[in-house]
Each structure stands twice: as structure tokens, then as C-alpha cells.
Amino acid sequence: MSIITLDSIVRQVNEMPVLPERMNKIMEIVEDPDSTVEDLEREILKDQSLTSKVLKLANSTHYGYARKINTISKATILLGFQTIKSIALASTVNKFLVGELKGYALEKNELWNQSQTCAIISRYIAKNIGKVEPEQAYIAGLLRDIGKTILNHYVENEYEKIVEMVETENKSFLDAERELFGFDHAQVGGKVAEKWNFPKDLVEAIKYHHTPEVTEENPKLVSIVHIADAITMMMGIGLGVDGMVYNFSQFALDTLNMDINQVETIISEISDLLIDEDNFNII
């Protein structure tokens, strides 16, 4: 096996493109309490593709607005600043998540579909438990496996060995990553989030979504993403080889005051949202 270190991985992360300046500007406007609808509209209108996606979602059946939404200002008022930020960020990171990942047995678009599913479920859980901004949960769920896009090459080279460890030693794919490389895709994802200057709680949600018990900043956010990720795997969405062994963290369930019965209820309730193409395929 070729030598791989976390430092070499970090160098690859550093070679990733930074978020576009427009995305940073949109995030800045959204987080500024003095910003206006006009400020956000002005920035979005600079991007024709983003403009069309915002209007598409605003007019989707999910929001059920009776009148046609034909301006960004009306869409922003209807959807809210945080939802606009989620759409913009999802549009930006789409290109990182749509490719084939042979190391994880994920075909083209499978990681994207899986990530969108986890994001939608994360948002849904956040809305129902409160105390966590739903759109923050959406973004964390969307990006929780961004590290796979970096680690994929190395995993592909060791694919047969990892699968053997999973199938014969009953190890999780995550444990196999750690044993072979000394770190896992979630830690690499944390490095990507740091590069993109995300808040510490969002970095931790990506870095610790498999191990919510070690988080320090926002245990509820990390637990939401963990539960949403597990539900996504249970539903068989873009399962890949790393979904062969997956368990719920008791810490996450306790943190959210949830039990397995409530998880099953969420699975039943979320199905309709995932069937709605307007709500799911915003990109």
C-alpha cells in the first residue's frame, strides 16, 4: 500500500477550489442582521443559474404558494434568507458530489442523491425538535460525506482489502478506513469544512457525524446529522459498500430525546418529501 498520511490528504484539500466569491458574499449577506431583501436579490441576480433554481423552488408544490413567484425578492420573502443560503450552497457544492466514487461503490449522482436525502431528513428532524436552525441542519447533512470525494482514490486502491474486513471481520467501513489509513472520511470532510471557513459547529457536524459523542460545540446538530445519515442508509439511498454495517449512536438518540420507534415514524413521514421531485431536485 502506498504511504498515506493526514498531511498528504490535507494538501489535497488545500488544492480544492475555495467557495466562489459570490457564495461567500451571499453567506455574508444572510448572516448580517442589517441586510435587506434587496441586498440578497442583487447578489443572486448576478448568477443566472442560481436565479432560476431559486425561482423553481419557490414555485414548487412543496411551498404551495397560490400565486406565481416571478421575482427573487418575492422568493426571498417566501422562503427566507436561510433557505436561500441553502439553495445557493447546494448549487455550489453540487459539482463535488455528483461524480462516481468507485472506492465507495457509488455510481455517478449516487453520492449527490444520498447527500440530498440526508440533508432533507436533517432539516425535517431539526424542524421537529427545535433548538437547531433547520437550514443549518440541511447544510450539515448535505456536506457530511464531502470527505469521501477526497479519500476516494485511496479507498479505491484498497477496495478489496476493505470489503474483506467488512464482510469477514464484521467491521464497519469506517473502522476499516481508520485501520488502513489512520483516519476516516469524516475527518477529511472536517478539513474541507475548515478550508471553506465554515462555523465550528458545522465543521464538527461533518467531522463527527459518525461519532457524535465526542462533539463539543453543538451536540444536537451533530446528533441530527448522525440520525439522518443512519436513516438514509436504512432506506437504501445510494447505499454503496460503506452502508453494509451501520448503527445508531445511543448518545445521539438520548441527545435528541428519541427512540427507535420515533425513528421509524420519521422514516414513514419523510417518504412523501423524498418523492416530491420539486422538493428533492432543487439543483
Protein backbone atom coordinates (compact mmCIF):
# COMPACT_ATOMS: atom_id res chain seq x y z
CA MET A 1 0.00 0.00 0.00
CA SER A 2 1.32 3.46 -0.83
CA ILE A 3 2.05 5.63 2.17
CA ILE A 4 -0.79 7.95 3.03
CA THR A 5 -0.83 10.46 5.85
CA LEU A 6 -3.35 13.01 7.04
CA ASP A 7 -0.87 15.71 5.98
CA SER A 8 -0.88 14.41 2.40
CA ILE A 9 -4.67 14.41 2.45
CA VAL A 10 -4.71 17.96 3.81
CA ARG A 11 -2.54 19.02 0.88
CA GLN A 12 -5.21 17.63 -1.44
CA VAL A 13 -7.87 19.51 0.50
CA ASN A 14 -5.82 22.70 0.14
CA GLU A 15 -5.81 22.16 -3.62
CA MET A 16 -9.61 22.13 -3.73
CA PRO A 17 -11.18 25.33 -5.06
CA VAL A 18 -12.35 27.78 -2.45
CA LEU A 19 -16.02 28.64 -2.41
CA PRO A 20 -16.81 31.17 -5.14
CA GLU A 21 -16.73 34.80 -4.04
CA ARG A 22 -20.44 35.13 -4.83
CA MET A 23 -21.24 32.29 -2.42
CA ASN A 24 -19.19 33.93 0.31
CA LYS A 25 -20.98 37.20 -0.35
CA ILE A 26 -24.40 35.52 -0.13
CA MET A 27 -23.45 33.89 3.18
CA GLU A 28 -22.20 37.24 4.45
CA ILE A 29 -25.45 38.98 3.48
CA VAL A 30 -27.58 36.26 5.08
CA GLU A 31 -25.69 36.43 8.37
CA ASP A 32 -25.72 40.24 8.53
CA PRO A 33 -28.77 41.38 10.56
CA ASP A 34 -28.73 44.71 8.73
CA SER A 35 -29.03 43.13 5.28
CA THR A 36 -32.19 43.64 3.25
CA VAL A 37 -34.11 41.54 0.74
CA GLU A 38 -32.81 43.90 -1.93
CA ASP A 39 -29.19 43.18 -0.92
CA LEU A 40 -29.71 39.45 -1.34
CA GLU A 41 -31.69 39.83 -4.55
CA ARG A 42 -28.96 41.98 -6.09
CA GLU A 43 -26.31 39.33 -5.43
CA ILE A 44 -28.41 36.37 -6.61
CA LEU A 45 -29.35 38.12 -9.86
CA LYS A 46 -25.66 38.17 -10.80
CA ASP A 47 -25.91 34.39 -11.30
CA GLN A 48 -28.46 33.31 -13.91
CA SER A 49 -28.32 29.63 -12.92
CA LEU A 50 -28.85 30.36 -9.24
CA THR A 51 -31.67 32.76 -10.05
CA SER A 52 -33.55 30.06 -11.96
CA LYS A 53 -33.07 27.50 -9.18
CA VAL A 54 -34.40 29.84 -6.50
CA LEU A 55 -37.47 30.62 -8.58
CA LYS A 56 -38.00 26.92 -9.36
CA LEU A 57 -38.06 26.02 -5.67
CA ALA A 58 -40.25 28.98 -4.75
CA ASN A 59 -42.83 27.76 -7.26
CA SER A 60 -42.60 24.09 -6.26
CA THR A 61 -45.52 22.14 -4.86
CA HIS A 62 -43.68 21.86 -1.56
CA TYR A 63 -44.40 25.52 -0.73
CA GLY A 64 -47.85 25.50 -2.29
CA TYR A 65 -47.95 29.25 -2.88
CA ALA A 66 -51.13 30.18 -4.73
CA ARG A 67 -49.62 32.89 -6.92
CA LYS A 68 -46.74 32.62 -9.37
CA ILE A 69 -43.42 33.77 -7.85
CA ASN A 70 -41.61 35.66 -10.59
CA THR A 71 -39.03 37.76 -8.74
CA ILE A 72 -36.16 36.94 -6.41
CA SER A 73 -37.42 39.45 -3.85
CA LYS A 74 -40.77 37.64 -3.59
CA ALA A 75 -38.99 34.29 -3.41
CA THR A 76 -36.72 35.54 -0.62
CA ILE A 77 -39.68 36.80 1.39
CA LEU A 78 -41.46 33.48 0.90
CA LEU A 79 -38.51 31.15 1.54
CA GLY A 80 -36.46 33.20 3.98
CA PHE A 81 -32.78 34.13 3.98
CA GLN A 82 -31.54 30.82 5.41
CA THR A 83 -33.30 28.73 2.76
CA ILE A 84 -31.87 30.93 0.03
CA LYS A 85 -28.41 30.32 1.51
CA SER A 86 -29.03 26.55 1.47
CA ILE A 87 -30.06 26.61 -2.19
CA ALA A 88 -27.03 28.68 -3.13
CA LEU A 89 -24.61 26.44 -1.25
CA ALA A 90 -26.18 23.26 -2.61
CA SER A 91 -25.81 24.66 -6.12
CA THR A 92 -22.14 25.44 -5.46
CA VAL A 93 -21.09 22.09 -3.95
CA ASN A 94 -23.11 20.01 -6.42
CA LYS A 95 -20.10 19.60 -8.70
CA PHE A 96 -18.09 17.99 -5.90
CA LEU A 97 -20.75 15.40 -5.09
CA VAL A 98 -22.11 14.24 -8.45
CA GLY A 99 -19.14 12.20 -9.67
CA GLU A 100 -18.67 8.43 -9.49
CA LEU A 101 -16.83 7.17 -6.39
CA LYS A 102 -15.52 3.72 -7.22
CA GLY A 103 -13.89 3.39 -3.81
CA TYR A 104 -17.31 3.54 -2.17
CA ALA A 105 -19.19 1.66 -4.91
CA LEU A 106 -21.19 4.78 -5.68
CA GLU A 107 -22.14 5.46 -9.28
CA LYS A 108 -22.43 8.93 -10.77
CA ASN A 109 -25.03 11.05 -8.91
CA GLU A 110 -25.47 8.48 -6.12
CA LEU A 111 -23.49 10.44 -3.54
CA TRP A 112 -25.41 13.58 -4.55
CA ASN A 113 -28.79 11.85 -4.17
CA GLN A 114 -27.70 10.34 -0.87
CA SER A 115 -26.45 13.73 0.36
CA GLN A 116 -29.67 15.49 -0.65
CA THR A 117 -31.68 12.81 1.15
CA CYS A 118 -29.63 13.19 4.32
CA ALA A 119 -29.96 16.98 4.09
CA ILE A 120 -33.75 16.86 3.74
CA ILE A 121 -34.07 14.42 6.65
CA SER A 122 -31.73 16.56 8.78
CA ARG A 123 -33.86 19.63 8.10
CA TYR A 124 -37.03 17.68 8.90
CA ILE A 125 -35.68 16.45 12.26
CA ALA A 126 -34.45 19.94 13.17
CA LYS A 127 -37.88 21.43 12.46
CA ASN A 128 -39.49 18.87 14.72
CA ILE A 129 -37.14 19.01 17.71
CA GLY A 130 -36.40 22.73 17.67
CA LYS A 131 -33.27 24.40 19.09
CA VAL A 132 -31.38 23.83 15.82
CA GLU A 133 -31.76 26.05 12.75
CA PRO A 134 -33.30 23.75 10.09
CA GLU A 135 -31.26 25.20 7.24
CA GLN A 136 -28.07 24.77 9.24
CA ALA A 137 -29.02 21.12 9.68
CA TYR A 138 -29.72 20.87 5.94
CA ILE A 139 -26.25 22.16 5.04
CA ALA A 140 -24.56 19.85 7.57
CA GLY A 141 -26.48 16.86 6.21
CA LEU A 142 -25.66 17.81 2.63
CA LEU A 143 -21.92 18.02 3.28
CA ARG A 144 -21.43 15.29 5.86
CA ASP A 145 -19.68 12.97 3.36
CA ILE A 146 -17.70 15.57 1.38
CA GLY A 147 -14.53 13.87 2.65
CA LYS A 148 -15.30 10.82 0.53
CA THR A 149 -14.58 12.81 -2.61
CA ILE A 150 -11.00 13.33 -1.39
CA LEU A 151 -10.40 9.90 0.16
CA ASN A 152 -12.00 8.01 -2.74
CA HIS A 153 -8.75 7.46 -4.68
CA TYR A 154 -7.03 5.79 -1.72
CA VAL A 155 -10.08 3.74 -0.79
CA GLU A 156 -10.34 2.53 -4.38
CA ASN A 157 -6.77 1.26 -4.24
CA GLU A 158 -7.55 -0.71 -1.06
CA TYR A 159 -11.13 -1.59 -2.00
CA GLU A 160 -10.81 -5.37 -1.91
CA LYS A 161 -9.00 -5.30 1.41
CA ILE A 162 -11.62 -3.01 2.98
CA VAL A 163 -14.55 -5.08 1.71
CA GLU A 164 -12.90 -8.21 3.09
CA MET A 165 -12.54 -6.55 6.51
CA VAL A 166 -16.20 -5.51 6.41
CA GLU A 167 -17.52 -8.89 5.30
CA THR A 168 -15.27 -11.32 7.17
CA GLU A 169 -14.33 -9.36 10.30
CA ASN A 170 -17.73 -7.68 10.72
CA LYS A 171 -16.08 -4.27 10.86
CA SER A 172 -17.75 -1.11 9.71
CA PHE A 173 -16.38 0.58 6.60
CA LEU A 174 -15.43 3.49 8.86
CA ASP A 175 -13.34 1.24 11.11
CA ALA A 176 -11.66 -0.25 8.04
CA GLU A 177 -10.73 3.25 6.85
CA ARG A 178 -9.25 4.06 10.23
CA GLU A 179 -7.30 0.82 10.45
CA LEU A 180 -5.79 1.16 6.98
CA PHE A 181 -5.21 4.91 6.86
CA GLY A 182 -5.21 6.09 10.48
CA PHE A 183 -8.17 8.41 9.85
CA ASP A 184 -11.55 8.37 8.10
CA HIS A 185 -13.57 10.29 5.51
CA ALA A 186 -15.38 12.28 8.20
CA GLN A 187 -12.10 13.73 9.50
CA VAL A 188 -11.11 14.62 5.95
CA GLY A 189 -14.51 16.28 5.49
CA GLY A 190 -13.81 18.36 8.57
CA LYS A 191 -10.66 19.64 6.89
CA VAL A 192 -12.67 20.64 3.82
CA ALA A 193 -15.17 22.49 6.02
CA GLU A 194 -12.33 24.34 7.73
CA LYS A 195 -10.90 25.32 4.34
CA TRP A 196 -14.28 26.78 3.41
CA ASN A 197 -14.31 28.79 6.67
CA PHE A 198 -17.49 27.22 8.00
CA PRO A 199 -18.51 27.85 11.63
CA LYS A 200 -17.03 25.47 14.19
CA ASP A 201 -20.33 23.70 14.88
CA LEU A 202 -20.77 22.95 11.17
CA VAL A 203 -17.18 21.67 10.95
CA GLU A 204 -17.87 19.37 13.89
CA ALA A 205 -21.16 18.14 12.38
CA ILE A 206 -19.24 16.98 9.31
CA LYS A 207 -16.22 15.69 11.22
CA TYR A 208 -18.13 13.83 13.95
CA HIS A 209 -21.33 12.68 12.25
CA HIS A 210 -20.29 9.07 12.87
CA THR A 211 -19.11 9.81 16.43
CA PRO A 212 -21.48 12.44 17.87
CA GLU A 213 -20.47 11.58 21.44
CA VAL A 214 -17.12 13.38 21.04
CA THR A 215 -18.50 16.69 19.79
CA GLU A 216 -18.09 19.80 21.93
CA GLU A 217 -19.73 22.66 20.07
CA ASN A 218 -23.29 21.63 19.18
CA PRO A 219 -24.24 18.04 20.14
CA LYS A 220 -27.82 18.47 18.86
CA LEU A 221 -26.70 19.44 15.36
CA VAL A 222 -24.19 16.58 15.15
CA SER A 223 -26.77 14.12 16.51
CA ILE A 224 -29.34 15.23 13.93
CA VAL A 225 -26.91 14.60 11.08
CA HIS A 226 -25.92 11.24 12.57
CA ILE A 227 -29.55 10.09 12.82
CA ALA A 228 -30.36 11.44 9.35
CA ASP A 229 -27.34 9.67 7.90
CA ALA A 230 -28.36 6.38 9.51
CA ILE A 231 -31.94 6.74 8.24
CA THR A 232 -30.62 7.46 4.74
CA MET A 233 -28.63 4.22 4.87
CA MET A 234 -31.60 2.28 6.27
CA MET A 235 -33.70 3.50 3.35
CA GLY A 236 -31.08 2.21 0.92
CA ILE A 237 -30.44 5.60 -0.70
CA GLY A 238 -27.11 5.45 -2.54
CA LEU A 239 -26.07 2.77 -0.11
CA GLY A 240 -22.66 1.92 -1.51
CA VAL A 241 -20.38 -0.56 0.19
CA ASP A 242 -19.89 1.54 3.33
CA GLY A 243 -23.56 1.12 4.30
CA MET A 244 -23.16 -2.59 5.00
CA VAL A 245 -22.76 -2.12 8.76
CA TYR A 246 -24.37 0.92 10.38
CA ASN A 247 -25.71 1.52 13.88
CA PHE A 248 -27.43 4.39 15.68
CA SER A 249 -25.46 6.14 18.41
CA GLN A 250 -27.27 5.92 21.73
CA PHE A 251 -25.72 9.28 22.59
CA ALA A 252 -27.41 10.85 19.56
CA LEU A 253 -30.78 9.30 20.40
CA ASP A 254 -30.52 10.47 24.01
CA THR A 255 -29.39 13.96 22.99
CA LEU A 256 -32.48 14.36 20.81
CA ASN A 257 -34.77 12.54 23.27
CA MET A 258 -35.58 10.00 20.59
CA ASP A 259 -36.05 6.24 20.48
CA ILE A 260 -36.19 3.70 17.66
CA ASN A 261 -39.99 3.98 17.45
CA GLN A 262 -39.66 7.70 16.71
CA VAL A 263 -37.01 6.93 14.10
CA GLU A 264 -39.42 4.57 12.37
CA THR A 265 -42.07 7.30 12.46
CA ILE A 266 -39.68 9.74 10.81
CA ILE A 267 -38.93 7.22 8.06
CA SER A 268 -42.66 6.88 7.40
CA GLU A 269 -43.27 10.63 7.41
CA ILE A 270 -40.23 11.60 5.35
CA SER A 271 -41.12 9.35 2.42
CA ASP A 272 -43.55 11.87 0.92
CA LEU A 273 -40.91 14.63 0.98
CA LEU A 274 -38.44 12.41 -0.85
CA ILE A 275 -40.99 11.50 -3.52
CA ASP A 276 -41.66 15.19 -4.27
CA GLU A 277 -39.18 15.88 -7.09
CA ASP A 278 -39.59 19.64 -6.79
CA ASN A 279 -38.50 19.49 -3.17
CA PHE A 280 -35.72 16.98 -3.76
CA ASN A 281 -34.11 18.02 -7.03
CA ILE A 282 -33.58 21.72 -6.43
CA ILE A 283 -30.30 21.66 -8.33
